[in-house]
Amino acid sequence: MNKVKNFLKGISGSSWAGIALIIFFAVAIDNYLGSRNLMNILRSTSALVVVSVGMTMAILLGEIDMSVGGVITISATLAGMYMQAAGTVTVGTVVIAVIICCLVGLAFGLFNGFMIGIKKFNFWLVTFGSMSISFGLAKGVTNGGVISGFDKKFQWISTGRVLGISTCIIWAVIICIISVLILYKTRFGLHIYAIGDSEVCAANSGINVRKTRFWVYALSGLTAGLAAVLLLARTNSAGATIGEGYEFSAIAAVVIGGTAMEGGKGGFKGTIFGAIFISAMKNGLQLIGLSNYWQQVLLGVVIIAIILYDVINARVRFKKSLRRVYSEG
C-alpha cells in the first residue's frame, strides 16, 4: 500500500492533467484511443519532439531559444525551393534537401551560440532577432506563398513505413535516444546541468561555460533543421508559416515535462511526455470540431494552468521541507 502511495505522489500535476485529458477525450470522441488515431498523434508529435531536444538543453541552462520556429520555416522553405528547382527528384536530391535543412539550422544555431555563448549577448535579444530574420527571409524568398507537391521519395522520410511503423516516428525515436545519451551519459550533458544550477560554481570548477553555451545553441539550431525535414515531408508543403508557433509549443513541452525554467532541473525524458501531451490535446480539440483560434486559446489556458499548478506544488513542498529542517533543529 505504501509503495502505491509513494508511486502516486511521484506523479506530477502535468502527468495527472495528461491522464485526465486522455480520459475526457476517450469518453467524448469515438475511437480516440484507436490505433489509427494514436498513430496520428505520434506522427504529429515527431517534429515537436525533435525541436524540443535543443529547447530542453537551452532551458536547462536557464535560457530559451526563441528562434526555432523561424529556423524550421527557413530551413524547410529553402529545401523545398531546391527540390522544386531540381525537377526530377532522386535519392541524391533528397539527401541534399536534408543536408540543406541541417546546414541552415546549424548556421543559425552557430550564430546564436557565438553571440550568446562567446560574446555574451542577451539570449532573448539574439534569439528574437534570429527569429525575425528567419521568418522574414522565408517570406521574402517565397513572396508569402506556399511551395508544395514534393516527390514521394522525399515524403517517405515522414510518411513511409518500416515494419508497420511510420518513418517519422522512427527518426524521432532515434534522435531521442541520441539526445538522452548526450544529456545523461556525457560530460557535455553534466556541464549543462552544472551551469543551469549555478554558472559561477560551474566556472569555478573548471567548466568552460562559454563553449558549453555555444554548443547548446548550435545543437538547438541543428535539431530545428532536423524537425524541418520531418515537417516538410509530412505536410508536403513549405511556406512562411510552416514553423510558426513551434517555439512556444517546444517551450511548453519542456516545461510541462518538468524542466524548471530557472535551469539545472529536469531533462529530456519529461519533454517527450510534454510533447505527446500537447499533440494529444491538439488532436482531441480538432476532432471535437473546435476552430483553430479557440484551440490556440484553450491550449494556452491549459498550459498556463498546468505550469501554475506545478509551481505552486513546488513551493508547498519547499516550505514543508523547511519546516522539517526547523523542527529537527
Protein backbone atom coordinates (compact mmCIF):
# COMPACT_ATOMS: atom_id res chain seq x y z
CA MET A 1 0.00 0.00 0.00
CA ASN A 2 2.81 2.39 0.88
CA LYS A 3 4.51 1.64 -2.45
CA VAL A 4 1.32 2.59 -4.28
CA LYS A 5 1.05 5.84 -2.29
CA ASN A 6 4.66 6.73 -2.99
CA PHE A 7 4.17 5.99 -6.68
CA LEU A 8 1.07 8.20 -6.86
CA LYS A 9 2.89 11.00 -5.01
CA GLY A 10 5.68 10.84 -7.59
CA ILE A 11 3.27 11.60 -10.43
CA SER A 12 3.44 15.31 -11.28
CA GLY A 13 0.48 17.62 -11.79
CA SER A 14 1.30 17.68 -15.50
CA SER A 15 1.01 13.90 -15.68
CA TRP A 16 -2.33 13.90 -13.86
CA ALA A 17 -3.59 16.57 -16.24
CA GLY A 18 -2.47 14.46 -19.19
CA ILE A 19 -4.24 11.37 -17.84
CA ALA A 20 -7.44 13.39 -17.18
CA LEU A 21 -7.30 14.89 -20.67
CA ILE A 22 -6.93 11.49 -22.34
CA ILE A 23 -9.85 10.08 -20.30
CA PHE A 24 -12.04 13.05 -21.28
CA PHE A 25 -11.28 12.74 -24.99
CA ALA A 26 -11.65 8.94 -24.85
CA VAL A 27 -15.19 9.38 -23.47
CA ALA A 28 -16.15 12.32 -25.72
CA ILE A 29 -14.69 11.04 -29.02
CA ASP A 30 -15.27 7.67 -30.67
CA ASN A 31 -12.05 5.74 -31.38
CA TYR A 32 -9.88 8.45 -29.82
CA LEU A 33 -7.71 5.69 -28.36
CA GLY A 34 -7.93 3.64 -31.55
CA SER A 35 -4.64 2.57 -33.15
CA ARG A 36 -5.14 4.85 -36.17
CA ASN A 37 -5.67 8.00 -34.08
CA LEU A 38 -2.84 7.14 -31.68
CA MET A 39 -0.51 6.82 -34.66
CA ASN A 40 -1.74 10.22 -35.91
CA ILE A 41 -0.86 11.73 -32.53
CA LEU A 42 2.61 10.17 -32.56
CA ARG A 43 3.23 11.30 -36.15
CA SER A 44 2.30 14.89 -35.29
CA THR A 45 4.49 14.66 -32.18
CA SER A 46 7.64 13.64 -34.09
CA ALA A 47 8.73 17.10 -35.30
CA LEU A 48 7.83 18.73 -31.97
CA VAL A 49 9.88 16.18 -30.00
CA VAL A 50 12.91 16.74 -32.23
CA VAL A 51 12.85 20.54 -31.98
CA SER A 52 12.28 20.23 -28.21
CA VAL A 53 15.66 18.48 -27.86
CA GLY A 54 17.56 21.73 -28.29
CA MET A 55 14.97 23.69 -26.32
CA THR A 56 15.38 21.31 -23.36
CA MET A 57 19.14 21.93 -23.32
CA ALA A 58 18.67 25.71 -23.54
CA ILE A 59 16.12 25.75 -20.70
CA LEU A 60 18.37 23.52 -18.59
CA LEU A 61 20.89 26.36 -18.91
CA GLY A 62 18.21 28.72 -17.60
CA GLU A 63 17.75 30.28 -21.06
CA ILE A 64 15.44 29.97 -24.09
CA ASP A 65 15.88 29.71 -27.86
CA MET A 66 13.04 31.70 -29.44
CA SER A 67 14.41 31.28 -32.96
CA VAL A 68 13.50 27.60 -33.52
CA GLY A 69 10.13 28.26 -35.22
CA GLY A 70 11.73 30.63 -37.69
CA VAL A 71 14.68 28.28 -38.26
CA ILE A 72 12.25 25.45 -39.09
CA THR A 73 10.48 27.76 -41.54
CA ILE A 74 13.53 29.00 -43.46
CA SER A 75 15.15 25.53 -43.47
CA ALA A 76 12.02 23.87 -44.90
CA THR A 77 11.45 26.70 -47.37
CA LEU A 78 14.97 26.60 -48.84
CA ALA A 79 14.94 22.80 -49.06
CA GLY A 80 11.52 22.93 -50.77
CA MET A 81 12.72 25.54 -53.27
CA TYR A 82 15.76 23.40 -54.06
CA MET A 83 13.61 20.34 -54.79
CA GLN A 84 11.28 22.39 -56.99
CA ALA A 85 14.23 23.79 -58.94
CA ALA A 86 15.83 20.34 -59.27
CA GLY A 87 12.83 19.00 -61.19
CA THR A 88 13.38 15.23 -61.22
CA VAL A 89 13.85 14.08 -57.64
CA THR A 90 16.36 11.29 -56.99
CA VAL A 91 17.75 9.80 -53.80
CA GLY A 92 20.67 12.22 -54.18
CA THR A 93 18.26 15.15 -54.40
CA VAL A 94 16.51 14.02 -51.22
CA VAL A 95 19.85 13.70 -49.39
CA ILE A 96 20.86 17.22 -50.49
CA ALA A 97 17.49 18.61 -49.34
CA VAL A 98 18.01 17.03 -45.92
CA ILE A 99 21.55 18.45 -45.77
CA ILE A 100 20.21 21.92 -46.67
CA CYS A 101 17.77 21.80 -43.74
CA CYS A 102 20.51 20.67 -41.35
CA LEU A 103 23.07 23.22 -42.56
CA VAL A 104 20.63 26.15 -42.45
CA GLY A 105 19.54 25.15 -38.93
CA LEU A 106 23.15 24.68 -37.82
CA ALA A 107 24.16 28.05 -39.31
CA PHE A 108 21.52 29.88 -37.26
CA GLY A 109 22.47 27.81 -34.21
CA LEU A 110 26.16 28.65 -34.58
CA PHE A 111 25.31 32.34 -34.96
CA ASN A 112 23.14 32.27 -31.82
CA GLY A 113 25.81 30.31 -29.96
CA PHE A 114 28.55 32.73 -30.97
CA MET A 115 26.55 35.82 -29.99
CA ILE A 116 25.22 34.37 -26.71
CA GLY A 117 27.93 31.96 -25.64
CA ILE A 118 31.12 33.63 -26.85
CA LYS A 119 30.16 37.33 -26.99
CA LYS A 120 27.76 37.03 -24.01
CA PHE A 121 24.88 39.00 -25.52
CA ASN A 122 21.40 38.57 -24.02
CA PHE A 123 19.76 35.34 -25.24
CA TRP A 124 16.31 36.97 -25.56
CA LEU A 125 17.56 39.69 -27.90
CA VAL A 126 19.71 37.40 -30.04
CA THR A 127 17.15 34.61 -30.50
CA PHE A 128 14.30 37.07 -31.10
CA GLY A 129 16.47 38.72 -33.73
CA SER A 130 17.22 35.35 -35.36
CA MET A 131 13.51 34.51 -35.29
CA SER A 132 12.65 37.76 -37.07
CA ILE A 133 15.41 37.28 -39.67
CA SER A 134 14.45 33.67 -40.45
CA PHE A 135 10.72 34.34 -40.76
CA GLY A 136 11.44 37.46 -42.84
CA LEU A 137 13.76 35.56 -45.18
CA ALA A 138 11.16 32.82 -45.68
CA LYS A 139 8.50 35.40 -46.57
CA GLY A 140 10.92 37.24 -48.86
CA VAL A 141 12.07 34.23 -50.91
CA THR A 142 8.52 32.88 -51.32
CA ASN A 143 6.69 36.21 -51.61
CA GLY A 144 4.44 34.91 -48.85
CA GLY A 145 3.40 31.94 -51.00
CA VAL A 146 3.47 28.18 -50.46
CA ILE A 147 5.71 25.57 -52.09
CA SER A 148 4.13 22.13 -52.34
CA GLY A 149 3.88 18.87 -54.27
CA PHE A 150 7.16 17.15 -53.48
CA ASP A 151 8.15 13.74 -54.83
CA LYS A 152 7.13 10.60 -52.91
CA LYS A 153 10.81 9.77 -52.41
CA PHE A 154 11.11 12.78 -50.13
CA GLN A 155 7.71 12.28 -48.49
CA TRP A 156 8.81 8.77 -47.49
CA ILE A 157 11.00 10.33 -44.78
CA SER A 158 7.81 11.03 -42.80
CA THR A 159 5.02 9.07 -44.49
CA GLY A 160 6.83 5.79 -45.23
CA ARG A 161 6.57 2.67 -43.08
CA VAL A 162 9.12 0.23 -41.72
CA LEU A 163 7.65 -2.91 -40.08
CA GLY A 164 4.32 -1.08 -39.91
CA ILE A 165 5.74 1.93 -38.05
CA SER A 166 5.76 5.41 -39.62
CA THR A 167 9.25 6.54 -40.59
CA CYS A 168 8.81 9.94 -38.92
CA ILE A 169 8.27 8.16 -35.59
CA ILE A 170 11.37 6.01 -36.16
CA TRP A 171 13.52 9.08 -36.93
CA ALA A 172 12.16 10.86 -33.85
CA VAL A 173 12.93 7.84 -31.63
CA ILE A 174 16.50 7.63 -32.99
CA ILE A 175 17.10 11.34 -32.33
CA CYS A 176 15.54 11.00 -28.86
CA ILE A 177 17.86 8.10 -27.96
CA ILE A 178 20.93 10.05 -29.13
CA SER A 179 19.78 13.11 -27.18
CA VAL A 180 19.16 11.15 -23.97
CA LEU A 181 22.65 9.62 -24.23
CA ILE A 182 24.22 13.06 -24.78
CA LEU A 183 22.33 14.64 -21.90
CA TYR A 184 22.73 11.89 -19.32
CA LYS A 185 25.87 9.98 -20.33
CA THR A 186 28.39 12.61 -21.44
CA ARG A 187 30.46 15.32 -19.78
CA PHE A 188 28.76 17.87 -22.01
CA GLY A 189 25.36 16.93 -20.54
CA LEU A 190 26.68 17.14 -16.98
CA HIS A 191 28.14 20.56 -17.77
CA ILE A 192 24.72 21.78 -18.96
CA TYR A 193 23.15 20.78 -15.64
CA ALA A 194 26.01 22.32 -13.67
CA ILE A 195 25.75 25.67 -15.47
CA GLY A 196 21.97 25.75 -15.06
CA ASP A 197 22.30 25.01 -11.35
CA SER A 198 24.98 27.68 -10.77
CA GLU A 199 27.02 29.31 -13.51
CA VAL A 200 29.51 30.75 -11.02
CA CYS A 201 30.13 27.37 -9.36
CA ALA A 202 30.41 25.68 -12.76
CA ALA A 203 33.01 28.22 -13.92
CA ASN A 204 34.94 27.91 -10.65
CA SER A 205 35.02 24.12 -11.03
CA GLY A 206 36.73 24.43 -14.42
CA ILE A 207 33.76 24.08 -16.79
CA ASN A 208 34.09 26.14 -19.97
CA VAL A 209 30.75 27.96 -19.70
CA ARG A 210 31.10 29.89 -22.97
CA LYS A 211 31.92 26.79 -25.00
CA THR A 212 29.08 24.76 -23.47
CA ARG A 213 26.55 27.53 -24.13
CA PHE A 214 27.85 27.91 -27.69
CA TRP A 215 27.30 24.20 -28.48
CA VAL A 216 23.88 24.12 -26.81
CA TYR A 217 22.59 26.78 -29.22
CA ALA A 218 24.37 25.11 -32.14
CA LEU A 219 22.55 21.84 -31.32
CA SER A 220 19.28 23.72 -30.90
CA GLY A 221 19.63 25.09 -34.44
CA LEU A 222 20.55 21.65 -35.80
CA THR A 223 17.54 19.96 -34.18
CA ALA A 224 15.29 22.69 -35.58
CA GLY A 225 16.70 21.86 -39.04
CA LEU A 226 16.02 18.15 -38.49
CA ALA A 227 12.48 18.96 -37.35
CA ALA A 228 12.06 20.96 -40.58
CA VAL A 229 12.86 17.81 -42.59
CA LEU A 230 10.15 15.78 -40.81
CA LEU A 231 7.59 18.57 -41.02
CA LEU A 232 8.28 19.31 -44.69
CA ALA A 233 7.98 15.64 -45.66
CA ARG A 234 4.82 15.10 -43.58
CA THR A 235 2.88 18.17 -44.74
CA ASN A 236 4.25 18.04 -48.32
CA SER A 237 4.46 21.83 -48.34
CA ALA A 238 6.60 24.73 -47.17
CA GLY A 239 5.83 28.38 -46.67
CA ALA A 240 6.32 31.40 -44.48
CA THR A 241 4.28 29.94 -41.61
CA ILE A 242 5.21 26.23 -41.56
CA GLY A 243 7.19 26.57 -38.31
CA GLU A 244 5.06 29.29 -36.73
CA GLY A 245 4.30 28.60 -33.08
CA TYR A 246 6.79 25.75 -32.72
CA GLU A 247 8.96 27.85 -30.43
CA PHE A 248 6.08 28.20 -27.94
CA SER A 249 4.99 24.55 -28.29
CA ALA A 250 8.59 23.43 -27.65
CA ILE A 251 8.87 25.63 -24.55
CA ALA A 252 5.52 24.27 -23.30
CA ALA A 253 6.60 20.66 -23.95
CA VAL A 254 9.79 21.19 -21.94
CA VAL A 255 8.10 22.95 -19.01
CA ILE A 256 5.14 20.54 -18.88
CA GLY A 257 7.71 17.74 -18.89
CA GLY A 258 9.07 19.02 -15.59
CA THR A 259 12.15 21.03 -16.60
CA ALA A 260 12.46 24.12 -14.43
CA MET A 261 12.66 27.47 -16.23
CA GLU A 262 15.41 28.61 -13.85
CA GLY A 263 17.60 25.80 -15.16
CA GLY A 264 19.51 22.85 -13.72
CA LYS A 265 16.48 20.62 -13.03
CA GLY A 266 14.53 18.29 -15.29
CA GLY A 267 15.51 16.61 -18.51
CA PHE A 268 14.57 15.30 -21.90
CA LYS A 269 12.63 12.24 -20.70
CA GLY A 270 9.90 14.53 -19.36
CA THR A 271 9.98 16.60 -22.55
CA ILE A 272 8.87 13.56 -24.55
CA PHE A 273 5.77 13.28 -22.36
CA GLY A 274 5.14 17.04 -22.67
CA ALA A 275 5.29 16.89 -26.48
CA ILE A 276 2.87 13.93 -26.61
CA PHE A 277 0.54 15.78 -24.21
CA ILE A 278 0.40 18.84 -26.47
CA SER A 279 -0.15 16.77 -29.64
CA ALA A 280 -2.86 14.68 -27.94
CA MET A 281 -4.64 17.83 -26.83
CA LYS A 282 -4.47 19.46 -30.26
CA ASN A 283 -5.72 16.24 -31.86
CA GLY A 284 -8.65 15.97 -29.45
CA LEU A 285 -9.69 19.59 -29.92
CA GLN A 286 -9.62 19.16 -33.71
CA LEU A 287 -11.78 16.03 -33.53
CA ILE A 288 -14.28 17.81 -31.29
CA GLY A 289 -14.55 20.44 -34.03
CA LEU A 290 -13.19 23.45 -32.18
CA SER A 291 -11.92 26.20 -34.50
CA ASN A 292 -8.17 26.82 -34.76
CA TYR A 293 -8.48 30.16 -32.99
CA TRP A 294 -10.23 28.70 -29.93
CA GLN A 295 -7.86 25.71 -29.96
CA GLN A 296 -4.99 28.16 -29.53
CA VAL A 297 -6.75 29.96 -26.67
CA LEU A 298 -7.66 26.76 -24.83
CA LEU A 299 -4.22 25.24 -25.32
CA GLY A 300 -2.63 28.35 -23.81
CA VAL A 301 -5.01 28.33 -20.84
CA VAL A 302 -4.38 24.64 -20.10
CA ILE A 303 -0.60 25.02 -20.38
CA ILE A 304 -0.59 28.03 -18.02
CA ALA A 305 -2.84 26.17 -15.55
CA ILE A 306 -0.52 23.14 -15.52
CA ILE A 307 2.58 25.29 -15.07
CA LEU A 308 0.95 27.26 -12.23
CA TYR A 309 -0.14 24.03 -10.55
CA ASP A 310 3.38 22.63 -10.65
CA VAL A 311 4.94 25.91 -9.47
CA ILE A 312 2.53 26.17 -6.50
CA ASN A 313 3.12 22.50 -5.62
CA ALA A 314 6.89 23.01 -5.75
CA ARG A 315 6.62 25.98 -3.37
CA VAL A 316 4.43 23.99 -0.97
CA ARG A 317 6.93 21.11 -0.96
CA PHE A 318 9.80 23.56 -0.38
CA LYS A 319 8.02 25.15 2.61
CA LYS A 320 7.29 21.72 4.09
CA SER A 321 10.95 20.75 3.75
CA LEU A 322 11.94 23.94 5.61
CA ARG A 323 9.51 23.09 8.41
CA ARG A 324 11.04 19.63 8.77
CA VAL A 325 14.55 21.09 8.94
CA TYR A 326 13.42 23.64 11.55
CA SER A 327 11.63 21.03 13.71
CA GLU A 328 14.62 18.69 13.55
CA GLY A 329 16.91 21.53 14.60
